[in-house]
Amino acid sequence: MVTSLTVIEDLALEKENENYQFQDFLKASEGTKIDTLVQELNSIVTSQIDCTTCGNCCKTLLINVTKNEADNLSLYLNKTRIDFDKEYVEKGSNGMMLMNTIPCSFLADNKCTIYDYRFAGCREFPGLDIPNFTKRLFTVFMHYGRCPIIFNVVEQLKVMTNFK
């Protein structure tokens, strides 16, 4: 199991061409079979990796925020929505809201300080339990060099599918 972010980042660069080939291989595979394998591997790998020793997702990702999430979190933090937005949110011209800092303002010692109120994108990440893995390969491989769980699941998936 590879957990060093430096090693994972280096291997992601080294395996870039291989991973493009693997994505083509996965797209040609039977989707439900791949979903089953990914979910099994995700369960195994996730049980062996403590996200609080990493926190790289919270340190490197832009997080979308919905109105309801902002409303709930501002109440929890005992802030008005106006103050909450000024402190934590950036709004795009299309009305989309994002957390305004990277790393996340709510990360302390690699732990989420608002865990019970965290955003949907945070709850779902790394999303390997979501069906239709082969239809989300762009996103998966975008995070392959960032997340030890994704990296290890993908590498074990290569073995289990007899890739190459």
C-alpha atoms as a PDB file:
ATOM      1  CA  MET A   1       0.000   0.000   0.000  1.00  0.00           C
ATOM      2  CA  VAL A   2       1.521   3.294  -1.104  1.00  0.00           C
ATOM      3  CA  THR A   3       0.660   6.214   1.177  1.00  0.00           C
ATOM      4  CA  SER A   4       3.491   8.708   0.648  1.00  0.00           C
ATOM      5  CA  LEU A   5       2.068  11.660  -1.275  1.00  0.00           C
ATOM      6  CA  THR A   6       5.472  12.378  -2.812  1.00  0.00           C
ATOM      7  CA  VAL A   7       5.780   8.819  -4.097  1.00  0.00           C
ATOM      8  CA  ILE A   8       2.186   8.854  -5.363  1.00  0.00           C
ATOM      9  CA  GLU A   9       2.716  12.151  -7.204  1.00  0.00           C
ATOM     10  CA  ASP A  10       5.922  10.825  -8.804  1.00  0.00           C
ATOM     11  CA  LEU A  11       4.291   7.538  -9.811  1.00  0.00           C
ATOM     12  CA  ALA A  12       1.275   9.384 -11.238  1.00  0.00           C
ATOM     13  CA  LEU A  13       3.587  11.271 -13.598  1.00  0.00           C
ATOM     14  CA  GLU A  14       5.538   8.135 -14.442  1.00  0.00           C
ATOM     15  CA  LYS A  15       2.353   6.148 -15.182  1.00  0.00           C
ATOM     16  CA  GLU A  16       0.549   8.851 -17.168  1.00  0.00           C
ATOM     17  CA  ASN A  17       0.668   7.034 -20.528  1.00  0.00           C
ATOM     18  CA  GLU A  18      -0.158   3.710 -18.894  1.00  0.00           C
ATOM     19  CA  ASN A  19      -3.164   5.309 -17.217  1.00  0.00           C
ATOM     20  CA  TYR A  20      -4.497   6.650 -20.522  1.00  0.00           C
ATOM     21  CA  GLN A  21      -4.311   3.110 -21.876  1.00  0.00           C
ATOM     22  CA  PHE A  22      -5.974   1.793 -18.727  1.00  0.00           C
ATOM     23  CA  GLN A  23      -8.831   4.266 -19.127  1.00  0.00           C
ATOM     24  CA  ASP A  24      -9.407   2.996 -22.680  1.00  0.00           C
ATOM     25  CA  PHE A  25      -9.283  -0.567 -21.353  1.00  0.00           C
ATOM     26  CA  LEU A  26     -11.865   0.282 -18.662  1.00  0.00           C
ATOM     27  CA  LYS A  27     -14.183   2.027 -21.128  1.00  0.00           C
ATOM     28  CA  ALA A  28     -14.238  -1.182 -23.168  1.00  0.00           C
ATOM     29  CA  SER A  29     -14.951  -3.311 -20.074  1.00  0.00           C
ATOM     30  CA  GLU A  30     -18.310  -4.336 -18.657  1.00  0.00           C
ATOM     31  CA  GLY A  31     -19.290  -1.461 -16.350  1.00  0.00           C
ATOM     32  CA  THR A  32     -21.108  -3.367 -13.611  1.00  0.00           C
ATOM     33  CA  LYS A  33     -18.215  -5.812 -13.259  1.00  0.00           C
ATOM     34  CA  ILE A  34     -15.777  -2.903 -12.884  1.00  0.00           C
ATOM     35  CA  ASP A  35     -18.115  -1.219 -10.366  1.00  0.00           C
ATOM     36  CA  THR A  36     -18.140  -4.395  -8.271  1.00  0.00           C
ATOM     37  CA  LEU A  37     -14.338  -4.677  -8.327  1.00  0.00           C
ATOM     38  CA  VAL A  38     -13.840  -0.985  -7.539  1.00  0.00           C
ATOM     39  CA  GLN A  39     -16.275  -1.116  -4.627  1.00  0.00           C
ATOM     40  CA  GLU A  40     -14.583  -4.236  -3.207  1.00  0.00           C
ATOM     41  CA  LEU A  41     -11.147  -2.664  -3.561  1.00  0.00           C
ATOM     42  CA  ASN A  42     -12.378   0.615  -2.122  1.00  0.00           C
ATOM     43  CA  SER A  43     -13.636  -1.185   0.973  1.00  0.00           C
ATOM     44  CA  ILE A  44     -10.301  -2.940   1.465  1.00  0.00           C
ATOM     45  CA  VAL A  45      -8.092   0.068   0.758  1.00  0.00           C
ATOM     46  CA  THR A  46     -10.185   2.558   2.741  1.00  0.00           C
ATOM     47  CA  SER A  47      -9.977   0.346   5.822  1.00  0.00           C
ATOM     48  CA  GLN A  48      -6.170   0.491   5.601  1.00  0.00           C
ATOM     49  CA  ILE A  49      -5.715   4.231   5.039  1.00  0.00           C
ATOM     50  CA  ASP A  50      -6.374   6.858   7.675  1.00  0.00           C
ATOM     51  CA  CYS A  51      -7.418  10.021   5.838  1.00  0.00           C
ATOM     52  CA  THR A  52      -6.495  12.139   8.858  1.00  0.00           C
ATOM     53  CA  THR A  53      -2.821  11.329   8.269  1.00  0.00           C
ATOM     54  CA  CYS A  54      -3.138  12.854   4.792  1.00  0.00           C
ATOM     55  CA  GLY A  55      -5.856  15.483   4.367  1.00  0.00           C
ATOM     56  CA  ASN A  56      -4.565  16.199   0.867  1.00  0.00           C
ATOM     57  CA  CYS A  57      -8.074  16.526  -0.559  1.00  0.00           C
ATOM     58  CA  CYS A  58      -8.834  19.294   1.953  1.00  0.00           C
ATOM     59  CA  LYS A  59      -5.485  20.902   1.188  1.00  0.00           C
ATOM     60  CA  THR A  60      -5.796  20.926  -2.593  1.00  0.00           C
ATOM     61  CA  LEU A  61      -9.406  20.862  -3.818  1.00  0.00           C
ATOM     62  CA  LEU A  62     -11.889  23.622  -4.556  1.00  0.00           C
ATOM     63  CA  ILE A  63     -15.155  22.777  -2.839  1.00  0.00           C
ATOM     64  CA  ASN A  64     -18.590  23.670  -4.195  1.00  0.00           C
ATOM     65  CA  VAL A  65     -21.070  24.929  -1.641  1.00  0.00           C
ATOM     66  CA  THR A  66     -24.836  24.871  -2.035  1.00  0.00           C
ATOM     67  CA  LYS A  67     -27.171  27.452  -0.520  1.00  0.00           C
ATOM     68  CA  ASN A  68     -28.522  24.884   1.936  1.00  0.00           C
ATOM     69  CA  GLU A  69     -25.032  23.848   3.005  1.00  0.00           C
ATOM     70  CA  ALA A  70     -24.031  27.470   3.550  1.00  0.00           C
ATOM     71  CA  ASP A  71     -27.263  28.135   5.469  1.00  0.00           C
ATOM     72  CA  ASN A  72     -26.750  25.101   7.725  1.00  0.00           C
ATOM     73  CA  LEU A  73     -23.084  25.775   8.370  1.00  0.00           C
ATOM     74  CA  SER A  74     -23.610  29.458   9.083  1.00  0.00           C
ATOM     75  CA  LEU A  75     -26.246  28.510  11.672  1.00  0.00           C
ATOM     76  CA  TYR A  76     -23.893  25.944  13.222  1.00  0.00           C
ATOM     77  CA  LEU A  77     -21.099  28.539  13.376  1.00  0.00           C
ATOM     78  CA  ASN A  78     -23.521  31.113  14.777  1.00  0.00           C
ATOM     79  CA  LYS A  79     -22.824  33.539  11.928  1.00  0.00           C
ATOM     80  CA  THR A  80     -25.187  35.430   9.685  1.00  0.00           C
ATOM     81  CA  ARG A  81     -25.177  34.201   6.097  1.00  0.00           C
ATOM     82  CA  ILE A  82     -23.724  37.532   5.034  1.00  0.00           C
ATOM     83  CA  ASP A  83     -20.804  37.184   7.461  1.00  0.00           C
ATOM     84  CA  PHE A  84     -20.359  33.509   6.584  1.00  0.00           C
ATOM     85  CA  ASP A  85     -20.221  34.314   2.875  1.00  0.00           C
ATOM     86  CA  LYS A  86     -17.767  37.193   3.398  1.00  0.00           C
ATOM     87  CA  GLU A  87     -15.442  34.973   5.395  1.00  0.00           C
ATOM     88  CA  TYR A  88     -15.649  31.645   3.584  1.00  0.00           C
ATOM     89  CA  VAL A  89     -17.388  31.821   0.188  1.00  0.00           C
ATOM     90  CA  GLU A  90     -16.572  33.103  -3.257  1.00  0.00           C
ATOM     91  CA  LYS A  91     -19.487  33.528  -5.639  1.00  0.00           C
ATOM     92  CA  GLY A  92     -19.176  33.163  -9.383  1.00  0.00           C
ATOM     93  CA  SER A  93     -21.096  35.224 -11.888  1.00  0.00           C
ATOM     94  CA  ASN A  94     -23.399  32.239 -12.486  1.00  0.00           C
ATOM     95  CA  GLY A  95     -24.297  32.087  -8.778  1.00  0.00           C
ATOM     96  CA  MET A  96     -22.059  29.102  -8.073  1.00  0.00           C
ATOM     97  CA  MET A  97     -20.456  29.211  -4.648  1.00  0.00           C
ATOM     98  CA  LEU A  98     -17.015  27.871  -3.723  1.00  0.00           C
ATOM     99  CA  MET A  99     -14.996  27.786  -0.541  1.00  0.00           C
ATOM    100  CA  ASN A 100     -12.665  30.751  -0.901  1.00  0.00           C
ATOM    101  CA  THR A 101      -9.438  29.217   0.383  1.00  0.00           C
ATOM    102  CA  ILE A 102      -7.192  26.278  -0.335  1.00  0.00           C
ATOM    103  CA  PRO A 103      -6.519  24.570   1.978  1.00  0.00           C
ATOM    104  CA  CYS A 104     -10.007  24.517   3.398  1.00  0.00           C
ATOM    105  CA  SER A 105     -10.599  26.950   6.244  1.00  0.00           C
ATOM    106  CA  PHE A 106     -12.127  24.139   8.272  1.00  0.00           C
ATOM    107  CA  LEU A 107      -9.080  21.855   8.200  1.00  0.00           C
ATOM    108  CA  ALA A 108      -7.022  21.637  11.404  1.00  0.00           C
ATOM    109  CA  ASP A 109      -4.422  18.946  12.080  1.00  0.00           C
ATOM    110  CA  ASN A 110      -5.648  17.070   8.984  1.00  0.00           C
ATOM    111  CA  LYS A 111      -9.139  16.842  10.485  1.00  0.00           C
ATOM    112  CA  CYS A 112     -12.354  18.523   9.476  1.00  0.00           C
ATOM    113  CA  THR A 113     -13.530  20.857  12.219  1.00  0.00           C
ATOM    114  CA  ILE A 114     -17.080  20.857  10.816  1.00  0.00           C
ATOM    115  CA  TYR A 115     -17.255  17.137  10.023  1.00  0.00           C
ATOM    116  CA  ASP A 116     -20.983  16.699  10.723  1.00  0.00           C
ATOM    117  CA  TYR A 117     -21.717  19.774   8.571  1.00  0.00           C
ATOM    118  CA  ARG A 118     -19.205  19.141   5.779  1.00  0.00           C
ATOM    119  CA  PHE A 119     -20.216  19.732   2.191  1.00  0.00           C
ATOM    120  CA  ALA A 120     -21.569  17.059  -0.171  1.00  0.00           C
ATOM    121  CA  GLY A 121     -18.361  17.081  -2.218  1.00  0.00           C
ATOM    122  CA  CYS A 122     -16.399  16.344   0.940  1.00  0.00           C
ATOM    123  CA  ARG A 123     -18.783  13.588   2.025  1.00  0.00           C
ATOM    124  CA  GLU A 124     -18.553  11.877  -1.363  1.00  0.00           C
ATOM    125  CA  PHE A 125     -14.801  12.102  -1.919  1.00  0.00           C
ATOM    126  CA  PRO A 126     -13.126  10.014  -3.234  1.00  0.00           C
ATOM    127  CA  GLY A 127     -16.409   8.704  -4.671  1.00  0.00           C
ATOM    128  CA  LEU A 128     -15.284   5.181  -5.453  1.00  0.00           C
ATOM    129  CA  ASP A 129     -18.478   3.743  -3.981  1.00  0.00           C
ATOM    130  CA  ILE A 130     -20.595   5.620  -6.539  1.00  0.00           C
ATOM    131  CA  PRO A 131     -21.839   3.490  -9.470  1.00  0.00           C
ATOM    132  CA  ASN A 132     -20.723   3.986 -13.071  1.00  0.00           C
ATOM    133  CA  PHE A 133     -16.995   4.152 -12.357  1.00  0.00           C
ATOM    134  CA  THR A 134     -16.152   3.809 -16.049  1.00  0.00           C
ATOM    135  CA  LYS A 135     -18.204   6.916 -16.831  1.00  0.00           C
ATOM    136  CA  ARG A 136     -16.275   9.006 -14.278  1.00  0.00           C
ATOM    137  CA  LEU A 137     -12.717   8.190 -15.321  1.00  0.00           C
ATOM    138  CA  PHE A 138     -11.725  11.798 -16.022  1.00  0.00           C
ATOM    139  CA  THR A 139     -12.488  12.754 -12.425  1.00  0.00           C
ATOM    140  CA  VAL A 140     -10.958   9.604 -10.949  1.00  0.00           C
ATOM    141  CA  PHE A 141      -7.682  10.090 -12.802  1.00  0.00           C
ATOM    142  CA  MET A 142      -7.660  13.815 -12.072  1.00  0.00           C
ATOM    143  CA  HIS A 143      -7.333  12.796  -8.397  1.00  0.00           C
ATOM    144  CA  TYR A 144      -5.175   9.681  -8.928  1.00  0.00           C
ATOM    145  CA  GLY A 145      -1.962  11.535  -8.001  1.00  0.00           C
ATOM    146  CA  ARG A 146      -3.626  13.324  -5.085  1.00  0.00           C
ATOM    147  CA  CYS A 147      -5.440  10.651  -3.093  1.00  0.00           C
ATOM    148  CA  PRO A 148      -3.800   7.508  -1.690  1.00  0.00           C
ATOM    149  CA  ILE A 149      -7.141   5.696  -1.730  1.00  0.00           C
ATOM    150  CA  ILE A 150      -7.758   6.371  -5.410  1.00  0.00           C
ATOM    151  CA  PHE A 151      -4.152   5.596  -6.308  1.00  0.00           C
ATOM    152  CA  ASN A 152      -4.152   2.235  -4.534  1.00  0.00           C
ATOM    153  CA  VAL A 153      -7.601   1.208  -5.779  1.00  0.00           C
ATOM    154  CA  VAL A 154      -6.628   1.978  -9.376  1.00  0.00           C
ATOM    155  CA  GLU A 155      -3.308   0.152  -9.099  1.00  0.00           C
ATOM    156  CA  GLN A 156      -4.994  -2.913  -7.590  1.00  0.00           C
ATOM    157  CA  LEU A 157      -7.730  -2.702 -10.232  1.00  0.00           C
ATOM    158  CA  LYS A 158      -5.042  -2.995 -12.910  1.00  0.00           C
ATOM    159  CA  VAL A 159      -3.941  -6.276 -11.339  1.00  0.00           C
ATOM    160  CA  MET A 160      -7.444  -7.659 -10.811  1.00  0.00           C
ATOM    161  CA  THR A 161      -8.493  -6.913 -14.401  1.00  0.00           C
ATOM    162  CA  ASN A 162      -5.273  -8.400 -15.819  1.00  0.00           C
ATOM    163  CA  PHE A 163      -4.518  -5.107 -17.491  1.00  0.00           C
ATOM    164  CA  LYS A 164      -1.473  -5.478 -19.770  1.00  0.00           C
END
